[in-house]
Amino acid sequence: MGSQQKPGRVLVVTHPLREDVAELAEKLAAALRSADVAVRIITGEMRVLSRPEALLVVDEETSDTADLVLALGGDGTVLRAAKLAVKADVPLLGVNFGKVGFLAEAETGELETVVSRLLEGDYSVEERTALTVEATGTDGEQHASWAFNDIAVEKAEPARMLELFIEIDGTRISRYGCDGVAVASPTGSTAHAMSAGGPVVWPDVDALVVVPMNAHALFAKPMVVHSSSEIRIGVESVGTEGALIADGKELTRLTAGSTVTIRRSARPVRLVRMSGRPFASRLVSKLSLPVDGWRHGRI
């Protein structure tokens, strides 16, 4: 593991509805404060995290921006905390209290070890690609946002198909009648995109994934493109709305003539790593992959 500085100010982001997480967050904060680390605990509610003062950590002497964000919860909590960490350009450490916890570096029972290693600076920081999105409506109204895992344009009405076109680096690739299109970072390739039939991409691969969902077209294959590519999705459906979704949260509705442009974010997510465990091992354990296959033990 690399050698880092002991963090002086830690912002702890917790699941908004888990009392057990809140209790452990208080214990963690007490351990850090006893080592002269300023700590602030906030919940993972978006209305709280979107406030300008969300990143401030106050101690007896001053109020300043956190230099490390620690997320306690499942992947949803880590995703919400990631936006804060990127805004402050500081590392993010996830501790899993959820079911899968693919984005987390440690588990609940490892909190004592996490605190010890943070205080010793015994960890490394890994950069992960994130995404930005700009949507333009037919009235000229614009929406801009950010995502760690994925951006999706999906049909807003379950019974109706969405008509979309997709362009990559200015070239029209295809036109779909579909349930939607997901664009994922390598980190997000194991989330929504994988469920829709997309490939698993190792986090250090310099690429983005484009996955049509239930598309009716001659060419509707998932695509892996370079991370510098510009991906443009246009809505052509008349009478059927689309929904623009970033990391599972709906941002706005899209009508015919709306366009969505997705690019790699200029700022990566900086994830704290405390283990040299390879991605393949994490993939197998987190997803409980049946590595023996269905023929194992058969004659």
Protein backbone atom coordinates (compact mmCIF):
# COMPACT_ATOMS: atom_id res chain seq x y z
CA MET A 1 0.00 0.00 0.00
CA GLY A 2 1.07 3.57 -0.61
CA SER A 3 1.90 6.05 2.10
CA GLN A 4 -0.55 8.96 2.49
CA GLN A 5 -0.94 11.78 4.96
CA LYS A 6 -3.16 11.26 7.98
CA PRO A 7 -6.44 13.08 7.20
CA GLY A 8 -7.05 16.10 9.39
CA ARG A 9 -10.75 16.49 8.58
CA VAL A 10 -13.10 13.64 7.75
CA LEU A 11 -16.67 13.95 6.51
CA VAL A 12 -18.72 10.83 7.30
CA VAL A 13 -21.75 10.25 5.06
CA THR A 14 -24.29 7.72 6.36
CA HIS A 15 -27.42 6.02 5.06
CA PRO A 16 -30.36 8.33 5.92
CA LEU A 17 -32.61 5.59 7.35
CA ARG A 18 -30.27 3.17 9.14
CA GLU A 19 -30.06 3.65 12.91
CA ASP A 20 -27.41 0.93 13.23
CA VAL A 21 -25.20 2.81 10.77
CA ALA A 22 -25.70 6.05 12.70
CA GLU A 23 -24.60 4.39 15.93
CA LEU A 24 -21.43 2.96 14.35
CA ALA A 25 -20.72 6.33 12.72
CA GLU A 26 -20.67 7.94 16.19
CA LYS A 27 -18.22 5.32 17.46
CA LEU A 28 -16.00 5.81 14.42
CA ALA A 29 -16.10 9.59 14.87
CA ALA A 30 -15.13 9.25 18.55
CA ALA A 31 -12.12 7.11 17.64
CA LEU A 32 -10.96 9.62 15.03
CA ARG A 33 -11.50 12.62 17.30
CA SER A 34 -9.43 10.98 20.03
CA ALA A 35 -6.57 11.08 17.51
CA ASP A 36 -7.12 14.83 16.85
CA VAL A 37 -9.03 14.35 13.61
CA ALA A 38 -11.98 16.71 13.10
CA VAL A 39 -15.11 14.78 12.08
CA ARG A 40 -18.57 15.71 10.86
CA ILE A 41 -21.41 13.22 10.27
CA ILE A 42 -24.19 13.93 7.77
CA THR A 43 -26.87 11.72 6.26
CA GLY A 44 -26.93 10.62 2.66
CA GLU A 45 -30.06 12.64 1.80
CA MET A 46 -29.66 14.58 -1.46
CA ARG A 47 -31.30 17.71 -0.02
CA VAL A 48 -28.56 17.76 2.62
CA LEU A 49 -25.67 16.85 0.32
CA SER A 50 -26.58 19.47 -2.28
CA ARG A 51 -26.05 22.37 0.12
CA PRO A 52 -22.81 24.39 -0.30
CA GLU A 53 -21.86 23.91 3.35
CA ALA A 54 -22.15 20.10 3.17
CA LEU A 55 -18.37 19.68 2.85
CA LEU A 56 -17.46 21.82 5.86
CA VAL A 57 -16.00 20.08 8.91
CA VAL A 58 -15.90 22.15 12.08
CA ASP A 59 -13.65 21.76 15.10
CA GLU A 60 -12.90 24.02 18.09
CA GLU A 61 -10.51 26.20 16.11
CA THR A 62 -11.87 26.53 12.60
CA SER A 63 -14.26 25.40 9.90
CA ASP A 64 -12.78 24.02 6.72
CA THR A 65 -13.42 21.61 3.84
CA ALA A 66 -12.98 17.91 4.52
CA ASP A 67 -9.84 16.27 3.15
CA LEU A 68 -11.41 12.78 3.10
CA VAL A 69 -15.00 11.56 2.69
CA LEU A 70 -15.96 8.29 4.39
CA ALA A 71 -19.22 6.67 3.25
CA LEU A 72 -21.01 4.20 5.56
CA GLY A 73 -23.77 2.32 3.76
CA GLY A 74 -24.45 0.48 0.53
CA ASP A 75 -23.50 1.47 -3.00
CA GLY A 76 -26.21 4.15 -3.05
CA THR A 77 -24.58 5.95 -0.12
CA VAL A 78 -21.16 5.67 -1.77
CA LEU A 79 -22.56 7.14 -5.00
CA ARG A 80 -24.04 10.11 -3.15
CA ALA A 81 -20.81 10.64 -1.21
CA ALA A 82 -18.76 10.42 -4.40
CA LYS A 83 -20.33 13.60 -5.73
CA LEU A 84 -19.19 15.44 -2.60
CA ALA A 85 -15.69 13.97 -2.75
CA VAL A 86 -15.27 15.00 -6.40
CA LYS A 87 -16.53 18.51 -5.64
CA ALA A 88 -13.83 18.87 -2.98
CA ASP A 89 -11.23 16.88 -4.96
CA VAL A 90 -10.56 14.60 -1.98
CA PRO A 91 -10.38 10.79 -1.60
CA LEU A 92 -13.47 8.69 -0.90
CA LEU A 93 -13.53 5.57 1.29
CA GLY A 94 -16.59 3.31 1.31
CA VAL A 95 -17.45 0.92 4.14
CA ASN A 96 -20.19 -1.52 3.18
CA PHE A 97 -23.37 -1.79 5.25
CA GLY A 98 -25.46 -2.91 2.26
CA LYS A 99 -25.91 -6.18 0.37
CA VAL A 100 -23.34 -6.09 -2.44
CA GLY A 101 -21.19 -3.07 -1.69
CA PHE A 102 -19.28 -3.24 -4.95
CA LEU A 103 -17.93 0.29 -4.50
CA ALA A 104 -16.88 -0.19 -0.88
CA GLU A 105 -13.32 -0.96 0.15
CA ALA A 106 -14.09 -2.41 3.58
CA GLU A 107 -16.85 -4.27 5.41
CA THR A 108 -18.65 -3.41 8.64
CA GLY A 109 -16.47 -5.62 10.83
CA GLU A 110 -13.31 -3.89 9.62
CA LEU A 111 -14.02 -0.41 11.03
CA GLU A 112 -11.29 -0.69 13.69
CA THR A 113 -8.74 -1.58 11.01
CA VAL A 114 -10.01 1.23 8.78
CA VAL A 115 -9.51 3.83 11.51
CA SER A 116 -6.04 2.51 12.36
CA ARG A 117 -4.87 2.57 8.75
CA LEU A 118 -6.31 6.02 8.10
CA LEU A 119 -4.43 7.40 11.11
CA GLU A 120 -1.22 5.76 9.91
CA GLY A 121 -1.69 6.92 6.32
CA ASP A 122 -1.50 3.26 5.31
CA TYR A 123 -3.60 3.34 2.15
CA SER A 124 -3.38 4.25 -1.51
CA VAL A 125 -5.64 6.33 -3.76
CA GLU A 126 -6.95 5.08 -7.11
CA GLU A 127 -8.48 7.32 -9.77
CA ARG A 128 -11.73 6.21 -11.41
CA THR A 129 -13.43 7.69 -14.49
CA ALA A 130 -16.70 9.56 -13.95
CA LEU A 131 -19.26 11.04 -16.39
CA THR A 132 -20.85 14.40 -17.15
CA VAL A 133 -24.11 14.92 -19.01
CA GLU A 134 -25.74 17.90 -20.69
CA ALA A 135 -29.36 17.69 -21.83
CA THR A 136 -31.04 20.26 -24.09
CA GLY A 137 -34.82 20.36 -24.42
CA THR A 138 -36.82 21.57 -27.39
CA ASP A 139 -37.46 24.83 -25.53
CA GLY A 140 -33.71 25.38 -25.13
CA GLU A 141 -33.80 24.56 -21.41
CA GLN A 142 -30.57 22.85 -20.33
CA HIS A 143 -29.76 20.40 -17.56
CA ALA A 144 -26.24 19.44 -16.54
CA SER A 145 -25.20 16.77 -14.08
CA TRP A 146 -22.57 14.24 -13.09
CA ALA A 147 -22.49 10.49 -12.43
CA PHE A 148 -20.00 7.95 -11.13
CA ASN A 149 -21.70 4.79 -12.44
CA ASP A 150 -23.92 5.61 -15.40
CA ILE A 151 -26.15 7.97 -17.33
CA ALA A 152 -29.28 6.52 -18.94
CA VAL A 153 -32.03 7.74 -21.24
CA GLU A 154 -35.03 5.50 -20.56
CA LYS A 155 -38.67 5.37 -21.52
CA ALA A 156 -40.89 7.11 -18.96
CA GLU A 157 -43.99 5.05 -19.85
CA PRO A 158 -43.66 1.27 -19.32
CA ALA A 159 -46.07 0.32 -22.12
CA ARG A 160 -44.50 2.53 -24.80
CA MET A 161 -41.27 2.18 -26.77
CA LEU A 162 -38.80 5.05 -26.97
CA GLU A 163 -37.43 6.10 -30.37
CA LEU A 164 -33.80 7.20 -30.08
CA PHE A 165 -30.80 7.86 -32.27
CA ILE A 166 -27.21 7.61 -31.08
CA GLU A 167 -24.12 9.42 -32.35
CA ILE A 168 -20.52 8.84 -31.29
CA ASP A 169 -17.94 11.54 -32.04
CA GLY A 170 -20.34 13.19 -34.47
CA THR A 171 -21.18 10.08 -36.48
CA ARG A 172 -24.67 8.57 -36.44
CA ILE A 173 -24.35 4.93 -35.33
CA SER A 174 -27.92 3.68 -35.18
CA ARG A 175 -31.55 4.42 -34.47
CA TYR A 176 -33.48 2.32 -31.98
CA GLY A 177 -36.97 1.63 -30.86
CA CYS A 178 -36.01 0.59 -27.33
CA ASP A 179 -36.45 0.75 -23.59
CA GLY A 180 -33.47 3.11 -23.45
CA VAL A 181 -29.70 3.46 -23.67
CA ALA A 182 -27.24 3.36 -20.76
CA VAL A 183 -23.76 4.88 -20.87
CA ALA A 184 -21.48 3.64 -18.10
CA SER A 185 -18.03 4.31 -16.75
CA PRO A 186 -15.79 1.25 -16.25
CA THR A 187 -16.78 1.32 -12.57
CA GLY A 188 -20.47 1.44 -13.53
CA SER A 189 -20.14 -1.37 -16.07
CA THR A 190 -20.99 -3.87 -13.30
CA ALA A 191 -24.20 -2.07 -12.37
CA HIS A 192 -27.17 -1.10 -14.59
CA ALA A 193 -25.21 -1.66 -17.82
CA MET A 194 -24.30 -5.25 -16.93
CA SER A 195 -27.92 -6.02 -16.04
CA ALA A 196 -28.89 -4.78 -19.51
CA GLY A 197 -26.43 -7.18 -21.18
CA GLY A 198 -23.34 -5.00 -21.34
CA PRO A 199 -19.74 -6.17 -20.81
CA VAL A 200 -17.80 -6.03 -17.55
CA VAL A 201 -14.95 -3.55 -17.97
CA TRP A 202 -11.96 -3.53 -15.61
CA PRO A 203 -11.78 -0.19 -13.73
CA ASP A 204 -8.38 0.78 -15.14
CA VAL A 205 -9.48 0.41 -18.78
CA ASP A 206 -9.68 3.83 -20.47
CA ALA A 207 -13.13 3.38 -21.95
CA LEU A 208 -16.87 3.99 -21.69
CA VAL A 209 -19.66 1.47 -22.29
CA VAL A 210 -22.78 2.17 -24.40
CA VAL A 211 -25.60 -0.36 -23.92
CA PRO A 212 -28.95 -0.27 -25.80
CA MET A 213 -31.74 -1.79 -23.72
CA ASN A 214 -34.18 -4.16 -25.46
CA ALA A 215 -33.58 -2.40 -28.77
CA HIS A 216 -35.38 -3.24 -32.03
CA ALA A 217 -32.66 -2.58 -34.64
CA LEU A 218 -30.31 -4.45 -36.94
CA PHE A 219 -27.36 -3.08 -34.99
CA ALA A 220 -28.09 -2.95 -31.29
CA LYS A 221 -24.93 -4.40 -29.76
CA PRO A 222 -23.24 -2.99 -26.64
CA MET A 223 -20.22 -0.87 -27.56
CA VAL A 224 -16.97 -0.11 -25.76
CA VAL A 225 -15.62 3.29 -26.84
CA HIS A 226 -12.61 5.36 -25.82
CA SER A 227 -13.16 7.54 -22.78
CA SER A 228 -12.47 10.68 -24.83
CA SER A 229 -15.50 9.95 -27.06
CA GLU A 230 -18.54 12.21 -27.07
CA ILE A 231 -21.80 10.25 -26.98
CA ARG A 232 -24.96 12.00 -28.15
CA ILE A 233 -28.45 10.55 -27.74
CA GLY A 234 -31.48 12.15 -29.37
CA VAL A 235 -35.14 11.52 -28.56
CA GLU A 236 -37.40 11.16 -31.61
CA SER A 237 -40.56 9.72 -30.03
CA VAL A 238 -43.67 11.81 -30.50
CA GLY A 239 -46.12 11.44 -27.65
CA THR A 240 -43.77 9.34 -25.53
CA GLU A 241 -41.46 10.91 -22.97
CA GLY A 242 -38.01 9.76 -22.03
CA ALA A 243 -36.36 10.13 -18.62
CA LEU A 244 -32.77 11.25 -18.08
CA ILE A 245 -31.30 9.27 -15.17
CA ALA A 246 -27.94 9.74 -13.46
CA ASP A 247 -26.78 7.07 -10.99
CA GLY A 248 -30.36 5.90 -10.56
CA LYS A 249 -31.87 9.35 -9.94
CA GLU A 250 -34.19 10.96 -12.49
CA LEU A 251 -32.99 14.43 -13.51
CA THR A 252 -35.62 15.51 -16.05
CA ARG A 253 -38.08 14.33 -18.68
CA LEU A 254 -37.17 14.37 -22.38
CA THR A 255 -39.58 15.01 -25.28
CA ALA A 256 -39.13 14.66 -29.04
CA GLY A 257 -36.23 16.83 -30.20
CA SER A 258 -34.36 16.69 -26.88
CA THR A 259 -30.69 15.73 -27.00
CA VAL A 260 -28.34 14.35 -24.36
CA THR A 261 -24.54 14.63 -24.59
CA ILE A 262 -22.35 12.46 -22.37
CA ARG A 263 -18.60 12.84 -21.85
CA ARG A 264 -15.90 11.74 -19.43
CA SER A 265 -15.71 14.07 -16.44
CA ALA A 266 -12.60 16.23 -16.17
CA ARG A 267 -12.43 15.21 -12.50
CA PRO A 268 -12.09 11.53 -11.59
CA VAL A 269 -13.34 9.91 -8.40
CA ARG A 270 -10.39 9.23 -6.09
CA LEU A 271 -11.10 5.97 -4.25
CA VAL A 272 -9.18 4.94 -1.13
CA ARG A 273 -7.69 1.47 -1.41
CA MET A 274 -6.53 -0.57 1.58
CA SER A 275 -6.21 -3.91 -0.16
CA GLY A 276 -4.10 -5.20 -3.01
CA ARG A 277 -6.93 -7.55 -3.97
CA PRO A 278 -7.29 -7.71 -7.79
CA PHE A 279 -10.51 -6.66 -9.48
CA ALA A 280 -11.20 -10.21 -10.72
CA SER A 281 -11.28 -11.49 -7.14
CA ARG A 282 -13.61 -8.65 -6.08
CA LEU A 283 -15.87 -9.41 -9.05
CA VAL A 284 -16.19 -13.09 -8.16
CA SER A 285 -16.88 -12.52 -4.45
CA LYS A 286 -19.19 -9.49 -4.70
CA LEU A 287 -21.35 -11.01 -7.44
CA SER A 288 -21.13 -14.58 -6.06
CA LEU A 289 -20.13 -15.82 -9.49
CA PRO A 290 -20.61 -19.59 -10.01
CA VAL A 291 -16.99 -20.18 -11.04
CA ASP A 292 -17.41 -23.97 -11.09
CA GLY A 293 -20.06 -23.76 -13.80
CA TRP A 294 -23.27 -25.74 -14.10
CA ARG A 295 -21.42 -28.94 -15.10
CA HIS A 296 -19.37 -29.12 -11.89
CA GLY A 297 -19.80 -32.51 -10.23
CA ARG A 298 -21.71 -34.00 -13.18
CA ILE A 299 -20.59 -37.19 -14.87
